């Protein structure tokens, strides 16, 4: 089967698959692969083509307010493969604490524990092509170098693994669209349509299910899809936009009867040069600064807070990484000399490095996406993002750095200088992960979430959501591995729905 170009579909056509999947990114492609060779007739609709196109990309443009963020048409990609076309391949599973309801963290708690995803992580790891599922089981003997010595405490040496497109010598991450195109073409129960933009979810008269989807192309085509069930898999921003914009029957939008759609948007804050790490004994092992190989995995070290420390100190997640070698100024050199002398260690060959991090944000209902009056070339209302980050988010990360510094001194292996203190300083160094989460959050209570534990939109019998937009809290781990595991779980649920 070759892919279908929606621009060639006659106006007024009505398609009737069993299941329509909206979005051809990692979640949508994973779902199609997981449902291969089942009796379920699947139609996968991708808004873009096989390659980047500026006219299609411009459909993502929108407005922003609050804390400076990435322009909405630059933070995601609208062609087959979605975000996997520009990801860095960073992978790590969420931790058990990330799923827990914590009395000190408002709006926290998934409707299930991490154990629910454990059966799916190995398959997710295979799909992202990140080697064996090792992570914190990488042992000292596996490593091409020595771990940074740390005294007992709340921070430990941990690891990311990286996606590597099989057979490419440059360690490029797996671009799902190109990597799995041939496999998708070989699925007999799948039709895949490119350049197919869903512009509306149209409810049945009793508003208990979605009757059909409106689909449009930039060339002017219009047709409808009448499926039995629907999965939205078009990302943490566009999932919310489509639900909010489908407001012809319910003015607040589909699934938004409790004003939850679009709220709780999150990304991983990545402030640069947050601290200076000094290693007394010379150069730090190479796997802290760059990706290396061990036991079939492409990995890199991070300095992670333990779950126990996070619980005791009521901290969000953060994963500091060593970024680059730096030269100490006069005050820094004096501090190293004084500290090493007090500890009785030789620091004559000390090396200094800048630290960055991936930082979890606390859930915030005012960090949200809303519709604005301007419209795109398809007539869809554009979005405005109100971006927030609290002083508490910064304070949580600072506490982790303080603990890391204490443990370095306890081990007599190094020291840490904190390089950011004020909000202005933090924001001046801010970057973002392009990890869009939270806008259709999962909660068993319809007043506190958009989808239930099975990713089904509350109040609608045939509408589901896949991807990281359902994450109620976010952890500091990159979302792709985790959202794919969650999508594989959804695929199993859908197999049961269809019997």
Protein backbone atom coordinates (compact mmCIF):
# COMPACT_ATOMS: atom_id res chain seq x y z
CA UNK A 1 0.00 0.00 0.00
CA UNK A 2 1.26 3.46 -0.84
CA UNK A 3 0.29 6.48 1.21
CA UNK A 4 -2.76 8.44 0.06
CA UNK A 5 -2.55 12.14 -0.77
CA UNK A 6 -5.64 13.79 0.73
CA UNK A 7 -5.42 16.47 -1.94
CA UNK A 8 -6.56 13.82 -4.42
CA UNK A 9 -9.66 12.82 -2.42
CA UNK A 10 -12.84 14.11 -4.11
CA UNK A 11 -14.79 16.80 -2.26
CA UNK A 12 -17.69 15.40 -0.27
CA UNK A 13 -16.15 11.94 0.17
CA UNK A 14 -17.23 10.09 3.33
CA UNK A 15 -14.77 7.59 4.78
CA UNK A 16 -15.88 4.96 7.31
CA UNK A 17 -12.92 3.30 9.09
CA UNK A 18 -13.28 1.51 12.40
CA UNK A 19 -10.67 3.77 13.99
CA UNK A 20 -9.23 7.09 12.90
CA UNK A 21 -5.91 8.24 14.38
CA UNK A 22 -5.31 11.98 14.04
CA UNK A 23 -1.59 12.72 13.86
CA UNK A 24 1.42 10.95 12.39
CA UNK A 25 4.00 11.61 15.09
CA UNK A 26 5.52 9.03 17.45
CA UNK A 27 2.21 8.36 19.22
CA UNK A 28 0.14 7.97 16.06
CA UNK A 29 2.74 5.81 14.31
CA UNK A 30 3.17 3.67 17.44
CA UNK A 31 -0.57 3.11 17.63
CA UNK A 32 -0.77 2.12 13.95
CA UNK A 33 2.10 -0.35 14.36
CA UNK A 34 0.57 -1.80 17.53
CA UNK A 35 -2.78 -2.40 15.80
CA UNK A 36 -1.24 -3.99 12.70
CA UNK A 37 -2.79 -7.23 11.47
CA UNK A 38 -5.84 -6.89 13.70
CA UNK A 39 -9.43 -6.84 12.38
CA UNK A 40 -9.58 -3.10 13.17
CA UNK A 41 -9.62 -0.98 10.00
CA UNK A 42 -7.42 2.01 10.85
CA UNK A 43 -7.14 5.35 9.06
CA UNK A 44 -4.13 7.48 10.07
CA UNK A 45 -4.46 11.16 9.14
CA UNK A 46 -1.28 13.25 8.95
CA UNK A 47 -1.61 17.00 8.39
CA UNK A 48 1.74 17.35 6.63
CA UNK A 49 3.60 15.48 3.95
CA UNK A 50 6.80 13.47 4.06
CA UNK A 51 9.01 16.57 4.22
CA UNK A 52 8.92 20.03 5.76
CA UNK A 53 6.70 22.58 3.99
CA UNK A 54 6.59 26.22 5.06
CA UNK A 55 2.92 26.77 4.17
CA UNK A 56 1.86 23.79 6.25
CA UNK A 57 4.20 24.76 9.10
CA UNK A 58 2.68 28.25 9.21
CA UNK A 59 -0.62 26.75 10.36
CA UNK A 60 1.02 26.43 13.80
CA UNK A 61 1.59 30.18 14.30
CA UNK A 62 0.00 31.76 17.38
CA UNK A 63 0.40 34.32 20.12
CA UNK A 64 2.16 34.18 23.48
CA UNK A 65 2.07 36.00 26.77
CA UNK A 66 3.83 35.60 30.12
CA UNK A 67 7.31 34.10 30.39
CA UNK A 68 9.18 34.07 27.08
CA UNK A 69 8.73 30.77 25.26
CA UNK A 70 9.53 29.39 21.82
CA UNK A 71 7.26 30.71 19.01
CA UNK A 72 4.42 28.24 18.53
CA UNK A 73 5.29 27.63 14.88
CA UNK A 74 8.91 26.86 15.80
CA UNK A 75 8.44 24.50 18.75
CA UNK A 76 6.93 21.61 16.70
CA UNK A 77 6.98 20.24 13.16
CA UNK A 78 3.95 19.59 10.96
CA UNK A 79 5.04 16.75 8.73
CA UNK A 80 5.09 12.98 8.94
CA UNK A 81 7.02 11.88 12.01
CA UNK A 82 6.12 15.01 13.98
CA UNK A 83 8.41 15.87 16.86
CA UNK A 84 10.69 12.91 16.10
CA UNK A 85 11.97 14.92 13.14
CA UNK A 86 13.82 17.26 15.49
CA UNK A 87 14.30 15.42 18.76
CA UNK A 88 17.68 14.79 20.32
CA UNK A 89 16.95 11.17 21.22
CA UNK A 90 17.23 11.70 25.00
CA UNK A 91 15.38 8.89 26.76
CA UNK A 92 14.70 7.93 30.35
CA UNK A 93 11.67 6.40 32.08
CA UNK A 94 9.62 8.41 34.51
CA UNK A 95 10.21 7.48 38.15
CA UNK A 96 7.59 5.97 40.49
CA UNK A 97 7.34 9.24 42.46
CA UNK A 98 6.31 11.03 39.27
CA UNK A 99 3.03 9.08 39.29
CA UNK A 100 2.24 9.61 42.97
CA UNK A 101 -0.22 12.01 44.50
CA UNK A 102 1.87 14.23 46.78
CA UNK A 103 0.09 16.34 49.38
CA UNK A 104 2.72 19.05 48.95
CA UNK A 105 2.27 19.27 45.17
CA UNK A 106 -1.18 20.52 44.10
CA UNK A 107 -2.78 18.71 41.14
CA UNK A 108 -0.32 15.79 41.38
CA UNK A 109 -1.16 12.13 40.95
CA UNK A 110 -1.75 9.84 37.98
CA UNK A 111 -4.69 7.42 38.18
CA UNK A 112 -2.22 4.51 38.21
CA UNK A 113 1.35 3.79 39.30
CA UNK A 114 4.42 3.32 37.13
CA UNK A 115 3.90 -0.42 37.48
CA UNK A 116 1.08 -0.06 34.96
CA UNK A 117 3.60 0.95 32.28
CA UNK A 118 6.31 -1.56 33.15
CA UNK A 119 5.04 -4.21 30.67
CA UNK A 120 5.33 -1.68 27.84
CA UNK A 121 8.74 -0.11 28.42
CA UNK A 122 10.75 -2.83 26.65
CA UNK A 123 8.65 -2.55 23.49
CA UNK A 124 8.79 1.26 23.67
CA UNK A 125 12.57 1.05 24.01
CA UNK A 126 12.70 -1.08 20.86
CA UNK A 127 10.58 1.39 18.90
CA UNK A 128 12.81 4.33 19.77
CA UNK A 129 15.88 2.15 19.09
CA UNK A 130 17.70 3.07 22.28
CA UNK A 131 19.35 -0.30 22.86
CA UNK A 132 18.68 -2.58 25.83
CA UNK A 133 16.59 -1.15 28.66
CA UNK A 134 19.42 -0.42 31.10
CA UNK A 135 19.34 3.12 32.54
CA UNK A 136 20.13 2.90 36.27
CA UNK A 137 21.17 -0.74 35.93
CA UNK A 138 24.33 0.37 34.10
CA UNK A 139 26.99 -0.80 36.53
CA UNK A 140 30.41 0.61 37.35
CA UNK A 141 32.09 -2.20 35.45
CA UNK A 142 30.16 -1.34 32.27
CA UNK A 143 31.47 2.21 32.04
CA UNK A 144 34.44 3.51 30.04
CA UNK A 145 35.63 5.66 32.92
CA UNK A 146 35.03 6.42 36.58
CA UNK A 147 31.90 7.78 38.18
CA UNK A 148 32.12 11.12 39.95
CA UNK A 149 32.60 10.30 43.66
CA UNK A 150 29.70 11.58 45.79
CA UNK A 151 29.24 11.34 49.53
CA UNK A 152 26.05 9.78 50.92
CA UNK A 153 22.98 11.89 50.28
CA UNK A 154 20.16 12.81 47.96
CA UNK A 155 21.88 12.97 44.56
CA UNK A 156 23.29 10.01 42.63
CA UNK A 157 24.92 9.22 39.30
CA UNK A 158 22.23 8.22 36.82
CA UNK A 159 21.96 7.82 33.03
CA UNK A 160 20.09 8.82 29.92
CA UNK A 161 20.01 6.52 26.92
CA UNK A 162 19.70 7.76 23.34
CA UNK A 163 17.67 6.77 20.35
CA UNK A 164 19.80 5.71 17.39
CA UNK A 165 18.24 5.07 14.01
CA UNK A 166 19.36 1.56 13.19
CA UNK A 167 22.19 1.43 10.67
CA UNK A 168 23.20 5.08 10.77
CA UNK A 169 26.80 5.69 11.70
CA UNK A 170 26.22 9.19 13.04
CA UNK A 171 24.01 8.10 15.97
CA UNK A 172 21.05 10.12 14.64
CA UNK A 173 17.81 9.65 16.60
CA UNK A 174 15.00 7.63 15.07
CA UNK A 175 12.80 9.81 12.85
CA UNK A 176 9.57 7.83 13.09
CA UNK A 177 8.07 8.89 9.77
CA UNK A 178 10.99 7.82 7.61
CA UNK A 179 12.06 4.93 9.82
CA UNK A 180 8.66 3.20 9.86
CA UNK A 181 7.20 4.25 6.48
CA UNK A 182 7.86 0.89 4.83
CA UNK A 183 6.48 -1.05 7.80
CA UNK A 184 3.32 1.04 7.74
CA UNK A 185 2.88 0.50 4.01
CA UNK A 186 2.88 -3.24 4.68
CA UNK A 187 -0.01 -3.18 7.17
CA UNK A 188 -3.14 -4.52 5.39
CA UNK A 189 -5.67 -3.01 7.82
CA UNK A 190 -4.15 0.49 7.65
CA UNK A 191 -4.73 3.44 5.34
CA UNK A 192 -2.39 6.40 5.83
CA UNK A 193 -3.33 9.76 4.41
CA UNK A 194 -0.97 12.75 4.07
CA UNK A 195 -1.89 16.47 3.83
CA UNK A 196 -5.13 15.69 5.74
CA UNK A 197 -5.91 18.43 8.28
CA UNK A 198 -8.69 17.68 10.74
CA UNK A 199 -10.58 20.93 11.29
CA UNK A 200 -13.43 19.78 13.51
CA UNK A 201 -14.81 17.02 15.72
CA UNK A 202 -18.56 16.98 15.15
CA UNK A 203 -20.70 15.63 17.97
CA UNK A 204 -23.80 13.50 17.60
CA UNK A 205 -27.11 15.06 18.67
CA UNK A 206 -26.98 13.49 22.14
CA UNK A 207 -23.37 14.77 22.55
CA UNK A 208 -22.26 11.38 23.87
CA UNK A 209 -19.97 10.57 20.98
CA UNK A 210 -18.26 12.11 17.99
CA UNK A 211 -20.26 11.47 14.84
CA UNK A 212 -17.67 12.55 12.28
CA UNK A 213 -14.54 14.56 11.59
CA UNK A 214 -14.18 17.39 9.09
CA UNK A 215 -10.99 17.16 7.05
CA UNK A 216 -9.49 19.85 4.82
CA UNK A 217 -6.46 20.34 2.62
CA UNK A 218 -4.58 23.52 1.85
CA UNK A 219 -5.53 23.02 -1.80
CA UNK A 220 -9.20 23.53 -0.92
CA UNK A 221 -10.43 19.96 -0.56
CA UNK A 222 -13.08 19.03 2.00
CA UNK A 223 -14.32 15.60 3.09
CA UNK A 224 -15.54 13.79 6.22
CA UNK A 225 -14.59 10.72 8.20
CA UNK A 226 -17.25 8.73 10.09
CA UNK A 227 -15.33 6.31 12.37
CA UNK A 228 -16.47 4.11 15.21
CA UNK A 229 -13.67 5.42 17.44
CA UNK A 230 -11.14 8.25 17.31
CA UNK A 231 -7.69 8.82 18.82
CA UNK A 232 -6.21 12.30 18.87
CA UNK A 233 -2.43 12.01 18.61
CA UNK A 234 -1.41 15.40 17.25
CA UNK A 235 0.64 16.69 20.19
CA UNK A 236 0.21 18.58 23.43
CA UNK A 237 -0.64 21.84 21.67
CA UNK A 238 -2.73 20.70 18.70
CA UNK A 239 -4.79 18.15 20.66
CA UNK A 240 -6.04 21.01 22.82
CA UNK A 241 -6.59 23.31 19.84
CA UNK A 242 -8.77 20.80 18.02
CA UNK A 243 -10.91 20.11 21.08
CA UNK A 244 -11.36 23.80 21.87
CA UNK A 245 -12.09 24.76 18.26
CA UNK A 246 -14.77 22.06 17.87
CA UNK A 247 -17.32 24.32 19.56
CA UNK A 248 -20.29 24.25 17.21
CA UNK A 249 -22.43 22.16 19.61
CA UNK A 250 -20.83 22.88 23.01
CA UNK A 251 -19.52 26.44 23.06
CA UNK A 252 -16.61 25.58 25.38
CA UNK A 253 -15.39 22.87 23.01
CA UNK A 254 -15.40 19.07 22.93
CA UNK A 255 -14.38 17.52 26.26
CA UNK A 256 -14.19 20.95 27.87
CA UNK A 257 -17.36 20.97 29.94
CA UNK A 258 -15.24 21.55 33.05
CA UNK A 259 -12.83 24.08 31.53
CA UNK A 260 -9.84 21.74 31.68
CA UNK A 261 -8.79 21.53 28.02
CA UNK A 262 -5.68 23.58 27.30
CA UNK A 263 -4.84 24.14 30.98
CA UNK A 264 -1.73 22.74 32.68
CA UNK A 265 0.49 23.13 29.62
CA UNK A 266 4.05 22.20 30.53
CA UNK A 267 7.48 21.86 29.03
CA UNK A 268 10.83 21.06 30.58
CA UNK A 269 12.69 24.23 31.42
CA UNK A 270 16.36 23.94 30.47
CA UNK A 271 18.30 26.79 32.09
CA UNK A 272 21.90 26.89 30.91
CA UNK A 273 25.05 27.51 32.97
CA UNK A 274 23.19 27.15 36.25
CA UNK A 275 26.25 26.18 38.29
CA UNK A 276 29.97 25.51 38.00
CA UNK A 277 31.15 22.04 38.94
CA UNK A 278 34.79 21.73 40.01
CA UNK A 279 36.39 18.29 40.00
CA UNK A 280 39.56 18.31 42.14
CA UNK A 281 41.13 15.22 40.58
CA UNK A 282 41.29 16.34 36.96
CA UNK A 283 39.14 15.71 33.92
CA UNK A 284 35.70 14.19 34.48
CA UNK A 285 34.85 10.99 32.60
CA UNK A 286 33.83 11.56 29.00
CA UNK A 287 30.34 10.07 29.42
CA UNK A 288 29.34 13.06 31.56
CA UNK A 289 30.06 15.50 28.73
CA UNK A 290 29.04 13.51 25.66
CA UNK A 291 27.30 10.31 24.61
CA UNK A 292 29.28 7.07 24.80
CA UNK A 293 28.59 3.36 24.32
CA UNK A 294 28.27 0.52 26.81
CA UNK A 295 26.46 -2.83 26.65
CA UNK A 296 24.79 -1.94 23.36
CA UNK A 297 23.43 1.38 24.65
CA UNK A 298 24.36 4.93 23.67
CA UNK A 299 24.29 6.73 27.03
CA UNK A 300 25.23 9.85 28.98
CA UNK A 301 25.46 10.45 32.71
CA UNK A 302 23.29 12.80 34.71
CA UNK A 303 23.24 13.76 38.39
CA UNK A 304 19.77 12.90 39.62
CA UNK A 305 17.96 13.45 42.93
CA UNK A 306 16.86 10.25 44.63
CA UNK A 307 13.16 9.61 45.11
CA UNK A 308 13.67 9.54 48.88
CA UNK A 309 15.35 12.96 48.82
CA UNK A 310 12.57 14.40 46.66
CA UNK A 311 9.91 13.11 49.04
CA UNK A 312 11.68 14.30 52.19
CA UNK A 313 12.48 17.75 50.79
CA UNK A 314 9.28 18.07 48.72
CA UNK A 315 11.12 18.65 45.46
CA UNK A 316 10.25 18.52 41.80
CA UNK A 317 12.35 16.52 39.37
CA UNK A 318 15.56 17.81 37.79
CA UNK A 319 18.35 16.11 35.88
CA UNK A 320 21.55 18.20 35.89
CA UNK A 321 24.08 17.46 33.16
CA UNK A 322 27.70 18.48 32.62
CA UNK A 323 27.82 20.77 29.62
CA UNK A 324 31.30 22.11 28.82
CA UNK A 325 34.71 22.91 30.26
CA UNK A 326 35.04 26.44 31.70
CA UNK A 327 37.88 28.49 33.11
CA UNK A 328 37.55 29.75 36.67
CA UNK A 329 37.96 33.43 37.42
CA UNK A 330 40.29 34.69 40.13
CA UNK A 331 37.70 34.33 42.88
CA UNK A 332 36.88 30.81 41.72
CA UNK A 333 40.51 29.74 41.74
CA UNK A 334 40.93 31.17 45.23
CA UNK A 335 37.83 29.32 46.42
CA UNK A 336 39.14 26.03 45.05
CA UNK A 337 42.54 26.55 46.66
CA UNK A 338 41.02 27.42 50.03
CA UNK A 339 38.49 24.59 49.98
CA UNK A 340 40.90 21.88 48.83
CA UNK A 341 43.42 22.96 51.48
CA UNK A 342 40.75 22.75 54.17
CA UNK A 343 39.82 19.25 52.96
CA UNK A 344 43.44 18.18 52.68
CA UNK A 345 43.26 17.21 49.00
CA UNK A 346 45.38 18.09 45.98
CA UNK A 347 43.47 20.33 43.56
CA UNK A 348 46.42 21.37 41.41
CA UNK A 349 44.80 19.63 38.43
CA UNK A 350 41.24 20.74 39.10
CA UNK A 351 38.89 21.04 36.13
CA UNK A 352 35.72 23.14 36.05
CA UNK A 353 32.53 22.53 34.05
CA UNK A 354 29.23 24.32 33.54
CA UNK A 355 26.02 22.54 34.50
CA UNK A 356 22.67 22.63 32.73
CA UNK A 357 19.50 20.75 33.50
CA UNK A 358 16.11 19.51 32.46
CA UNK A 359 13.78 20.95 35.07
CA UNK A 360 10.25 19.83 35.93
CA UNK A 361 7.58 22.51 36.37
CA UNK A 362 4.84 22.25 38.97
CA UNK A 363 1.35 21.87 37.45
CA UNK A 364 -0.28 25.28 36.95
CA UNK A 365 -3.82 25.65 35.56
CA UNK A 366 -3.01 29.21 34.43
CA UNK A 367 -0.23 27.97 32.17
CA UNK A 368 -2.64 27.38 29.36
CA UNK A 369 -3.66 27.53 25.72
CA UNK A 370 -6.73 29.50 24.63
CA UNK A 371 -8.25 30.33 21.24
CA UNK A 372 -7.88 33.79 19.71
CA UNK A 373 -9.85 35.54 16.98
CA UNK A 374 -7.28 35.27 14.18
CA UNK A 375 -7.55 32.23 11.93
CA UNK A 376 -5.17 30.17 9.83
CA UNK A 377 -5.40 29.34 6.14
CA UNK A 378 -7.86 26.52 6.87
CA UNK A 379 -10.15 28.78 8.90
CA UNK A 380 -9.09 27.28 12.24
CA UNK A 381 -8.75 29.71 15.19
CA UNK A 382 -5.18 30.18 16.28
CA UNK A 383 -3.91 29.75 19.83
CA UNK A 384 -2.43 31.93 22.53
CA UNK A 385 -0.11 30.43 25.12
CA UNK A 386 0.16 31.95 28.58
CA UNK A 387 3.49 30.61 29.83
CA UNK A 388 4.45 30.57 33.51
CA UNK A 389 7.29 29.32 35.67
CA UNK A 390 7.27 29.89 39.41
CA UNK A 391 10.01 30.90 41.82
CA UNK A 392 9.25 27.61 43.57
CA UNK A 393 10.31 25.70 40.44
CA UNK A 394 13.70 27.42 40.57
CA UNK A 395 14.00 26.95 44.34
CA UNK A 396 13.41 23.20 43.97
CA UNK A 397 16.26 22.86 41.51
CA UNK A 398 18.52 25.07 43.61
CA UNK A 399 17.99 22.74 46.57
CA UNK A 400 19.17 19.81 44.43
CA UNK A 401 22.30 21.71 43.45
CA UNK A 402 23.02 22.58 47.10
CA UNK A 403 22.77 18.88 48.00
CA UNK A 404 25.07 17.95 45.11
CA UNK A 405 27.62 20.47 46.35
CA UNK A 406 27.43 19.09 49.88
CA UNK A 407 28.01 15.53 48.63
CA UNK A 408 31.02 16.60 46.54
CA UNK A 409 32.61 18.15 49.62
CA UNK A 410 31.76 15.09 51.71
CA UNK A 411 33.54 12.88 49.18
CA UNK A 412 36.44 15.38 48.91
CA UNK A 413 36.07 15.06 45.16
CA UNK A 414 35.00 18.57 44.20
CA UNK A 415 32.82 21.56 44.89
CA UNK A 416 29.97 23.50 43.31
CA UNK A 417 29.35 27.19 42.74
CA UNK A 418 25.75 28.30 42.16
CA UNK A 419 25.69 30.75 39.27
CA UNK A 420 21.99 31.76 39.26
CA UNK A 421 20.09 33.21 42.19
CA UNK A 422 17.49 35.79 41.10
CA UNK A 423 14.49 35.13 38.89
CA UNK A 424 15.93 37.49 36.28
CA UNK A 425 19.15 35.50 36.19
CA UNK A 426 17.30 32.22 35.80
CA UNK A 427 15.12 33.53 32.99
CA UNK A 428 18.07 35.07 31.15
CA UNK A 429 19.59 31.59 30.79
CA UNK A 430 16.34 29.82 29.88
CA UNK A 431 15.87 27.35 27.08
CA UNK A 432 13.06 24.84 26.61
CA UNK A 433 12.82 21.18 25.70
CA UNK A 434 9.98 21.33 23.13
CA UNK A 435 8.21 18.73 25.31
CA UNK A 436 4.52 19.62 25.23
CA UNK A 437 2.59 18.04 28.07
CA UNK A 438 -0.48 18.31 30.24
CA UNK A 439 -3.17 20.03 28.15
CA UNK A 440 -5.57 17.06 28.14
CA UNK A 441 -4.50 15.73 31.52
CA UNK A 442 -5.52 12.34 32.86
CA UNK A 443 -7.68 12.17 35.97
CA UNK A 444 -10.55 9.92 37.08
CA UNK A 445 -12.54 12.97 38.18
CA UNK A 446 -13.98 14.81 35.12
CA UNK A 447 -13.74 18.07 37.04
CA UNK A 448 -9.96 17.66 37.36
CA UNK A 449 -8.99 16.17 34.02
CA UNK A 450 -9.93 15.69 30.39
CA UNK A 451 -9.37 11.93 29.96
CA UNK A 452 -9.75 8.96 32.29
CA UNK A 453 -7.20 6.26 33.13
CA UNK A 454 -7.77 4.66 29.71
CA UNK A 455 -7.17 7.98 27.91
CA UNK A 456 -10.86 8.23 27.00
CA UNK A 457 -12.29 11.75 26.99
CA UNK A 458 -14.76 12.10 29.84
CA UNK A 459 -18.35 11.98 28.66
CA UNK A 460 -17.60 10.73 25.14
CA UNK A 461 -17.91 7.07 24.27
CA UNK A 462 -15.61 6.99 21.26
CA UNK A 463 -12.89 9.64 21.71
CA UNK A 464 -9.40 8.96 23.10
CA UNK A 465 -6.16 10.93 23.36
CA UNK A 466 -2.62 9.61 22.91
CA UNK A 467 0.65 11.30 23.75
CA UNK A 468 2.13 13.42 26.51
CA UNK A 469 -0.79 15.85 26.57
CA UNK A 470 -2.41 13.39 29.00
CA UNK A 471 0.44 13.61 31.55
CA UNK A 472 -0.96 15.01 34.85
CA UNK A 473 2.57 15.69 36.16
CA UNK A 474 5.72 15.64 34.12
CA UNK A 475 8.84 14.47 35.92
CA UNK A 476 12.20 15.56 34.56
CA UNK A 477 12.65 12.62 32.16
CA UNK A 478 12.11 13.29 28.48
CA UNK A 479 8.59 12.28 27.46
CA UNK A 480 9.02 10.24 24.25
CA UNK A 481 9.84 6.83 25.74
CA UNK A 482 7.08 7.29 28.30
CA UNK A 483 4.38 8.47 25.89
CA UNK A 484 5.13 5.52 23.60
CA UNK A 485 4.73 3.09 26.50
CA UNK A 486 1.45 4.82 27.34
CA UNK A 487 0.34 4.54 23.69
CA UNK A 488 1.09 0.82 23.62
CA UNK A 489 -1.10 0.47 26.71
CA UNK A 490 -3.86 2.39 24.90
CA UNK A 491 -3.51 0.04 21.92
CA UNK A 492 -4.19 -2.94 24.17
CA UNK A 493 -7.24 -1.17 25.58
CA UNK A 494 -8.57 -0.44 22.09
CA UNK A 495 -8.19 -4.07 21.09
CA UNK A 496 -10.56 -4.86 23.95
CA UNK A 497 -12.96 -2.08 22.96
CA UNK A 498 -13.27 -3.52 19.46
CA UNK A 499 -13.55 -7.04 20.84
